[in-house]
Each structure stands twice: as C-alpha cells, then as structure tokens.
Amino acid sequence: MPLKSNVRHSPHNFGMLHIRQFQESDSIAELTSLLHRAYARLGSMGLNYTAVDQTPEVTAKRIRGGNCFVVEASSKLVGTIVAQPTYSENECEYFTRPGVAAVHQFAVDPEHQGAGIGRMLLQRAELWAKESGFAELAMDTAEQATHLVELYARLGYKHVGWVQWPGKVYRSVVLSKHLATNA
C-alpha cells in the first residue's frame, strides 16, 4: 500500500500512527528503550544483536550519517528504522556497492507488532532511497531469525549474500530489494 500521508489510523486500536524523521528534541533514551524491547525476543534466542543491549551513546552513533525515521502512537515512539546512504567502508561488502542504500536499527515495539508499522517504516525507507537516487535498499538479519527473513522475502527482499559481523555469534543473511524507477 503506497504511503499517502505521514499519518494513518492503526487497525489495532493504537490510535493515530505518525511517521516522521527523528528530531534533536526526541529522546535517545526512549529510542534506546524501544530498541531493547523490540530486540528482546532475538536476544532470548541467544542472538547478540547490537540493539539488544546497546547504550544510548551507541544508539546516537548508529543514527548519525543516516536518516532515522520513527513512528509515534499517542506521543510514544513505537517503531524506528535508519536508512543509510551507501557506505564507503563496511564489513558487509554489499552495503558498499554503488547505488545500494541500507537499513539498520529496524524495530517495532512488541505491543505494536502486527499493526503494519514495520511495513510502513520499510516503505518510508524505500521512498527515501528511491528519491535519493538509490537503485536498491539492502539489510541484514541473523539467519536464525527465520521469521524476519521470511517477512522480508514476502516484502520483496531477495537473499544476495552473507556477512559475519565481528563479535556476533551468528551469521547474517543479506537481503536487497530493487527499487522501481519512474521510467
């Protein structure tokens, strides 16, 4: 479903959902808490994603250089994603390919999952990437997180490689989606 506005009504009775760019006045601590809640399930699977227990300083560092989008419901942050321009250097070689933007630090509060917030965030990141001239949007997730790999595949992301991040106990699947052009 194309994004027609930044606001939509949640089908799960969470009130109005508002997607927007993260602002200086927003709380890094609140964003970090959201990440901890959203990644707790993955942490309980034994997967040491950075967002499981990162500090607010790490959260702030990870959003620098990218475009952090958030979803609000009743003035509370309930979802986030960072859309990153092509990296000049990265452990994941795919993220350094010309024309490839990447997303990371993608999270939806567990109480709000299933309401389409993740899809809304991905659509916003795809729109940003397309408007910024990128041909693809890529991401990665632990191969053991099959529920996420399957979700991203349903949303048009194709498996394009693997990456082993330093210090992680899992290998990540790299997925990418070609963005339609207005030709």
C-alpha atoms as a PDB file:
ATOM      1  CA  MET A   1       0.000   0.000   0.000  1.00  0.00           C
ATOM      2  CA  PRO A   2       1.600   3.318  -1.035  1.00  0.00           C
ATOM      3  CA  LEU A   3       2.161   5.926   1.629  1.00  0.00           C
ATOM      4  CA  LYS A   4      -0.323   8.694   1.039  1.00  0.00           C
ATOM      5  CA  SER A   5       0.471  10.674   4.166  1.00  0.00           C
ATOM      6  CA  ASN A   6       2.590  10.591   7.268  1.00  0.00           C
ATOM      7  CA  VAL A   7      -0.391   9.743   9.439  1.00  0.00           C
ATOM      8  CA  ARG A   8      -2.650   6.722   9.389  1.00  0.00           C
ATOM      9  CA  HIS A   9      -5.101   5.031  11.684  1.00  0.00           C
ATOM     10  CA  SER A  10      -3.923   1.803  13.261  1.00  0.00           C
ATOM     11  CA  PRO A  11      -6.166  -1.219  12.669  1.00  0.00           C
ATOM     12  CA  HIS A  12      -5.194  -2.463  16.142  1.00  0.00           C
ATOM     13  CA  ASN A  13      -6.706   0.471  18.021  1.00  0.00           C
ATOM     14  CA  PHE A  14      -3.383   2.155  18.872  1.00  0.00           C
ATOM     15  CA  GLY A  15      -4.776   5.489  17.726  1.00  0.00           C
ATOM     16  CA  MET A  16      -3.190   7.557  15.012  1.00  0.00           C
ATOM     17  CA  LEU A  17       0.234   6.485  13.828  1.00  0.00           C
ATOM     18  CA  HIS A  18       2.584   9.241  12.720  1.00  0.00           C
ATOM     19  CA  ILE A  19       5.812   8.560  10.825  1.00  0.00           C
ATOM     20  CA  ARG A  20       8.456  11.248  10.778  1.00  0.00           C
ATOM     21  CA  GLN A  21      12.176  11.928  10.905  1.00  0.00           C
ATOM     22  CA  PHE A  22      13.834  11.589  14.329  1.00  0.00           C
ATOM     23  CA  GLN A  23      14.475  15.070  15.727  1.00  0.00           C
ATOM     24  CA  GLU A  24      17.111  16.544  18.028  1.00  0.00           C
ATOM     25  CA  SER A  25      14.370  17.122  20.612  1.00  0.00           C
ATOM     26  CA  ASP A  26      13.465  13.417  20.667  1.00  0.00           C
ATOM     27  CA  SER A  27      14.785  11.257  23.464  1.00  0.00           C
ATOM     28  CA  ILE A  28      17.717   8.985  22.592  1.00  0.00           C
ATOM     29  CA  ALA A  29      16.964   7.143  25.847  1.00  0.00           C
ATOM     30  CA  GLU A  30      13.369   6.479  24.701  1.00  0.00           C
ATOM     31  CA  LEU A  31      14.612   5.301  21.297  1.00  0.00           C
ATOM     32  CA  THR A  32      17.140   3.004  23.003  1.00  0.00           C
ATOM     33  CA  SER A  33      14.429   1.589  25.276  1.00  0.00           C
ATOM     34  CA  LEU A  34      12.265   0.866  22.207  1.00  0.00           C
ATOM     35  CA  LEU A  35      15.191  -0.988  20.603  1.00  0.00           C
ATOM     36  CA  HIS A  36      15.766  -3.047  23.757  1.00  0.00           C
ATOM     37  CA  ARG A  37      12.085  -4.073  23.914  1.00  0.00           C
ATOM     38  CA  ALA A  38      11.924  -4.904  20.205  1.00  0.00           C
ATOM     39  CA  TYR A  39      15.151  -6.934  20.185  1.00  0.00           C
ATOM     40  CA  ALA A  40      14.483  -8.797  23.469  1.00  0.00           C
ATOM     41  CA  ARG A  41      12.947 -11.766  21.611  1.00  0.00           C
ATOM     42  CA  LEU A  42      16.040 -12.055  19.429  1.00  0.00           C
ATOM     43  CA  GLY A  43      18.249 -11.776  22.494  1.00  0.00           C
ATOM     44  CA  SER A  44      16.297 -14.579  24.183  1.00  0.00           C
ATOM     45  CA  MET A  45      17.122 -16.713  21.114  1.00  0.00           C
ATOM     46  CA  GLY A  46      20.805 -16.248  22.006  1.00  0.00           C
ATOM     47  CA  LEU A  47      21.410 -13.726  19.222  1.00  0.00           C
ATOM     48  CA  ASN A  48      23.636 -10.871  20.349  1.00  0.00           C
ATOM     49  CA  TYR A  49      22.314  -8.138  18.062  1.00  0.00           C
ATOM     50  CA  THR A  50      23.787  -4.764  18.992  1.00  0.00           C
ATOM     51  CA  ALA A  51      20.309  -3.357  19.704  1.00  0.00           C
ATOM     52  CA  VAL A  52      19.625  -5.994  22.393  1.00  0.00           C
ATOM     53  CA  ASP A  53      21.575  -4.029  24.989  1.00  0.00           C
ATOM     54  CA  GLN A  54      23.230  -1.023  23.360  1.00  0.00           C
ATOM     55  CA  THR A  55      23.744   2.178  25.322  1.00  0.00           C
ATOM     56  CA  PRO A  56      22.084   5.474  24.383  1.00  0.00           C
ATOM     57  CA  GLU A  57      25.518   6.629  23.156  1.00  0.00           C
ATOM     58  CA  VAL A  58      25.653   3.700  20.720  1.00  0.00           C
ATOM     59  CA  THR A  59      22.090   4.475  19.575  1.00  0.00           C
ATOM     60  CA  ALA A  60      23.077   8.084  18.855  1.00  0.00           C
ATOM     61  CA  LYS A  61      26.210   6.971  16.992  1.00  0.00           C
ATOM     62  CA  ARG A  62      24.259   4.451  14.879  1.00  0.00           C
ATOM     63  CA  ILE A  63      21.742   7.063  13.678  1.00  0.00           C
ATOM     64  CA  ARG A  64      24.440   9.590  12.720  1.00  0.00           C
ATOM     65  CA  GLY A  65      25.036   9.734   8.988  1.00  0.00           C
ATOM     66  CA  GLY A  66      21.727   8.076   8.201  1.00  0.00           C
ATOM     67  CA  ASN A  67      18.093   9.093   8.169  1.00  0.00           C
ATOM     68  CA  CYS A  68      16.325   7.848  11.271  1.00  0.00           C
ATOM     69  CA  PHE A  69      12.575   7.561  10.897  1.00  0.00           C
ATOM     70  CA  VAL A  70      10.250   6.920  13.827  1.00  0.00           C
ATOM     71  CA  VAL A  71       6.593   6.053  14.242  1.00  0.00           C
ATOM     72  CA  GLU A  72       4.640   7.611  17.091  1.00  0.00           C
ATOM     73  CA  ALA A  73       1.390   6.413  18.627  1.00  0.00           C
ATOM     74  CA  SER A  74      -0.098   8.561  21.383  1.00  0.00           C
ATOM     75  CA  SER A  75       3.158  10.580  21.593  1.00  0.00           C
ATOM     76  CA  LYS A  76       5.183   7.408  22.267  1.00  0.00           C
ATOM     77  CA  LEU A  77       7.856   6.028  19.939  1.00  0.00           C
ATOM     78  CA  VAL A  78       6.678   2.596  18.743  1.00  0.00           C
ATOM     79  CA  GLY A  79       8.866   1.981  15.699  1.00  0.00           C
ATOM     80  CA  THR A  80      12.113   3.052  14.080  1.00  0.00           C
ATOM     81  CA  ILE A  81      14.407   2.440  11.130  1.00  0.00           C
ATOM     82  CA  VAL A  82      17.634   4.036   9.946  1.00  0.00           C
ATOM     83  CA  ALA A  83      18.119   4.439   6.189  1.00  0.00           C
ATOM     84  CA  GLN A  84      21.800   4.741   5.388  1.00  0.00           C
ATOM     85  CA  PRO A  85      23.372   6.023   2.171  1.00  0.00           C
ATOM     86  CA  THR A  86      25.935   3.730   0.528  1.00  0.00           C
ATOM     87  CA  TYR A  87      28.750   3.066   2.982  1.00  0.00           C
ATOM     88  CA  SER A  88      32.271   3.956   1.843  1.00  0.00           C
ATOM     89  CA  GLU A  89      33.584   1.136   4.070  1.00  0.00           C
ATOM     90  CA  ASN A  90      31.673  -1.620   5.824  1.00  0.00           C
ATOM     91  CA  GLU A  91      32.170  -5.215   6.967  1.00  0.00           C
ATOM     92  CA  CYS A  92      29.249  -6.059   4.677  1.00  0.00           C
ATOM     93  CA  GLU A  93      30.674  -5.580   1.206  1.00  0.00           C
ATOM     94  CA  TYR A  94      27.184  -5.462  -0.330  1.00  0.00           C
ATOM     95  CA  PHE A  95      26.455  -2.230   1.570  1.00  0.00           C
ATOM     96  CA  THR A  96      29.391  -0.534  -0.222  1.00  0.00           C
ATOM     97  CA  ARG A  97      28.115  -1.206  -3.745  1.00  0.00           C
ATOM     98  CA  PRO A  98      27.282   1.912  -5.756  1.00  0.00           C
ATOM     99  CA  GLY A  99      23.549   2.568  -5.797  1.00  0.00           C
ATOM    100  CA  VAL A 100      22.852   0.479  -2.686  1.00  0.00           C
ATOM    101  CA  ALA A 101      21.436   2.123   0.431  1.00  0.00           C
ATOM    102  CA  ALA A 102      20.958   0.071   3.584  1.00  0.00           C
ATOM    103  CA  VAL A 103      18.630  -0.028   6.557  1.00  0.00           C
ATOM    104  CA  HIS A 104      19.506  -0.987  10.092  1.00  0.00           C
ATOM    105  CA  GLN A 105      18.345  -0.500  13.661  1.00  0.00           C
ATOM    106  CA  PHE A 106      14.850  -1.510  12.482  1.00  0.00           C
ATOM    107  CA  ALA A 107      12.438  -2.100  15.350  1.00  0.00           C
ATOM    108  CA  VAL A 108       8.763  -2.158  16.286  1.00  0.00           C
ATOM    109  CA  ASP A 109       7.619  -2.241  19.893  1.00  0.00           C
ATOM    110  CA  PRO A 110       6.372  -5.789  20.658  1.00  0.00           C
ATOM    111  CA  GLU A 111       2.992  -4.410  21.810  1.00  0.00           C
ATOM    112  CA  HIS A 112       2.530  -2.840  18.371  1.00  0.00           C
ATOM    113  CA  GLN A 113       3.811  -5.632  16.134  1.00  0.00           C
ATOM    114  CA  GLY A 114       1.345  -6.939  13.575  1.00  0.00           C
ATOM    115  CA  ALA A 115      -0.179  -3.493  13.020  1.00  0.00           C
ATOM    116  CA  GLY A 116       1.726  -2.768   9.789  1.00  0.00           C
ATOM    117  CA  ILE A 117       4.214  -0.412  11.437  1.00  0.00           C
ATOM    118  CA  GLY A 118       7.226  -2.360  10.143  1.00  0.00           C
ATOM    119  CA  ARG A 119       5.859  -2.281   6.602  1.00  0.00           C
ATOM    120  CA  MET A 120       5.176   1.450   6.962  1.00  0.00           C
ATOM    121  CA  LEU A 121       8.777   2.048   8.101  1.00  0.00           C
ATOM    122  CA  LEU A 122      10.226  -0.026   5.262  1.00  0.00           C
ATOM    123  CA  GLN A 123       8.036   1.801   2.737  1.00  0.00           C
ATOM    124  CA  ARG A 124       9.288   5.125   4.107  1.00  0.00           C
ATOM    125  CA  ALA A 125      12.920   3.969   3.858  1.00  0.00           C
ATOM    126  CA  GLU A 126      12.318   2.692   0.310  1.00  0.00           C
ATOM    127  CA  LEU A 127      10.764   6.032  -0.661  1.00  0.00           C
ATOM    128  CA  TRP A 128      13.736   7.906   0.818  1.00  0.00           C
ATOM    129  CA  ALA A 129      16.187   5.630  -1.036  1.00  0.00           C
ATOM    130  CA  LYS A 130      14.334   5.969  -4.336  1.00  0.00           C
ATOM    131  CA  GLU A 131      14.021   9.773  -4.019  1.00  0.00           C
ATOM    132  CA  SER A 132      17.740   9.913  -3.150  1.00  0.00           C
ATOM    133  CA  GLY A 133      18.672   8.084  -6.363  1.00  0.00           C
ATOM    134  CA  PHE A 134      19.460   4.621  -4.975  1.00  0.00           C
ATOM    135  CA  ALA A 135      18.600   1.581  -7.101  1.00  0.00           C
ATOM    136  CA  GLU A 136      18.455  -0.871  -4.185  1.00  0.00           C
ATOM    137  CA  LEU A 137      17.731  -0.988  -0.495  1.00  0.00           C
ATOM    138  CA  ALA A 138      19.569  -3.688   1.452  1.00  0.00           C
ATOM    139  CA  MET A 139      19.504  -5.036   5.002  1.00  0.00           C
ATOM    140  CA  ASP A 140      20.748  -7.942   7.037  1.00  0.00           C
ATOM    141  CA  THR A 141      19.465 -10.114   9.849  1.00  0.00           C
ATOM    142  CA  ALA A 142      20.588 -13.252  11.638  1.00  0.00           C
ATOM    143  CA  GLU A 143      19.949 -16.382   9.600  1.00  0.00           C
ATOM    144  CA  GLN A 144      18.375 -17.965  12.721  1.00  0.00           C
ATOM    145  CA  ALA A 145      15.726 -15.191  12.747  1.00  0.00           C
ATOM    146  CA  THR A 146      13.754 -17.092  10.109  1.00  0.00           C
ATOM    147  CA  HIS A 147      10.563 -15.182  10.956  1.00  0.00           C
ATOM    148  CA  LEU A 148      12.303 -11.953   9.877  1.00  0.00           C
ATOM    149  CA  VAL A 149      13.974 -13.463   6.790  1.00  0.00           C
ATOM    150  CA  GLU A 150      10.552 -14.776   5.684  1.00  0.00           C
ATOM    151  CA  LEU A 151       8.846 -11.431   6.373  1.00  0.00           C
ATOM    152  CA  TYR A 152      11.423  -9.514   4.339  1.00  0.00           C
ATOM    153  CA  ALA A 153      11.131 -12.042   1.495  1.00  0.00           C
ATOM    154  CA  ARG A 154       7.335 -11.504   1.437  1.00  0.00           C
ATOM    155  CA  LEU A 155       8.029  -7.766   1.165  1.00  0.00           C
ATOM    156  CA  GLY A 156      10.179  -8.260  -1.944  1.00  0.00           C
ATOM    157  CA  TYR A 157      13.673  -8.582  -0.449  1.00  0.00           C
ATOM    158  CA  LYS A 158      15.901 -11.215  -2.055  1.00  0.00           C
ATOM    159  CA  HIS A 159      18.797 -13.090  -0.473  1.00  0.00           C
ATOM    160  CA  VAL A 160      22.007 -11.667  -2.001  1.00  0.00           C
ATOM    161  CA  GLY A 161      24.739 -12.801   0.368  1.00  0.00           C
ATOM    162  CA  TRP A 162      26.036 -13.340   3.880  1.00  0.00           C
ATOM    163  CA  VAL A 163      28.014 -11.324   6.384  1.00  0.00           C
ATOM    164  CA  GLN A 164      29.731 -12.307   9.607  1.00  0.00           C
ATOM    165  CA  TRP A 165      29.826  -9.234  11.815  1.00  0.00           C
ATOM    166  CA  PRO A 166      32.757  -9.046  14.249  1.00  0.00           C
ATOM    167  CA  GLY A 167      31.771 -10.227  17.726  1.00  0.00           C
ATOM    168  CA  LYS A 168      28.416 -11.688  16.673  1.00  0.00           C
ATOM    169  CA  VAL A 169      27.571 -15.321  17.431  1.00  0.00           C
ATOM    170  CA  TYR A 170      25.527 -15.663  14.248  1.00  0.00           C
ATOM    171  CA  ARG A 171      25.955 -15.195  10.523  1.00  0.00           C
ATOM    172  CA  SER A 172      23.645 -12.680   8.868  1.00  0.00           C
ATOM    173  CA  VAL A 173      21.634 -13.074   5.701  1.00  0.00           C
ATOM    174  CA  VAL A 174      21.993 -10.028   3.431  1.00  0.00           C
ATOM    175  CA  LEU A 175      18.766  -9.137   1.612  1.00  0.00           C
ATOM    176  CA  SER A 176      18.139  -6.485  -1.016  1.00  0.00           C
ATOM    177  CA  LYS A 177      15.215  -5.085  -2.948  1.00  0.00           C
ATOM    178  CA  HIS A 178      15.473  -3.399  -6.348  1.00  0.00           C
ATOM    179  CA  LEU A 179      13.518  -0.170  -6.251  1.00  0.00           C
ATOM    180  CA  ALA A 180      11.148   0.556  -9.117  1.00  0.00           C
ATOM    181  CA  THR A 181      12.019   3.558 -11.222  1.00  0.00           C
ATOM    182  CA  ASN A 182       9.639   6.008 -12.834  1.00  0.00           C
ATOM    183  CA  ALA A 183      10.894   5.283 -16.351  1.00  0.00           C
END
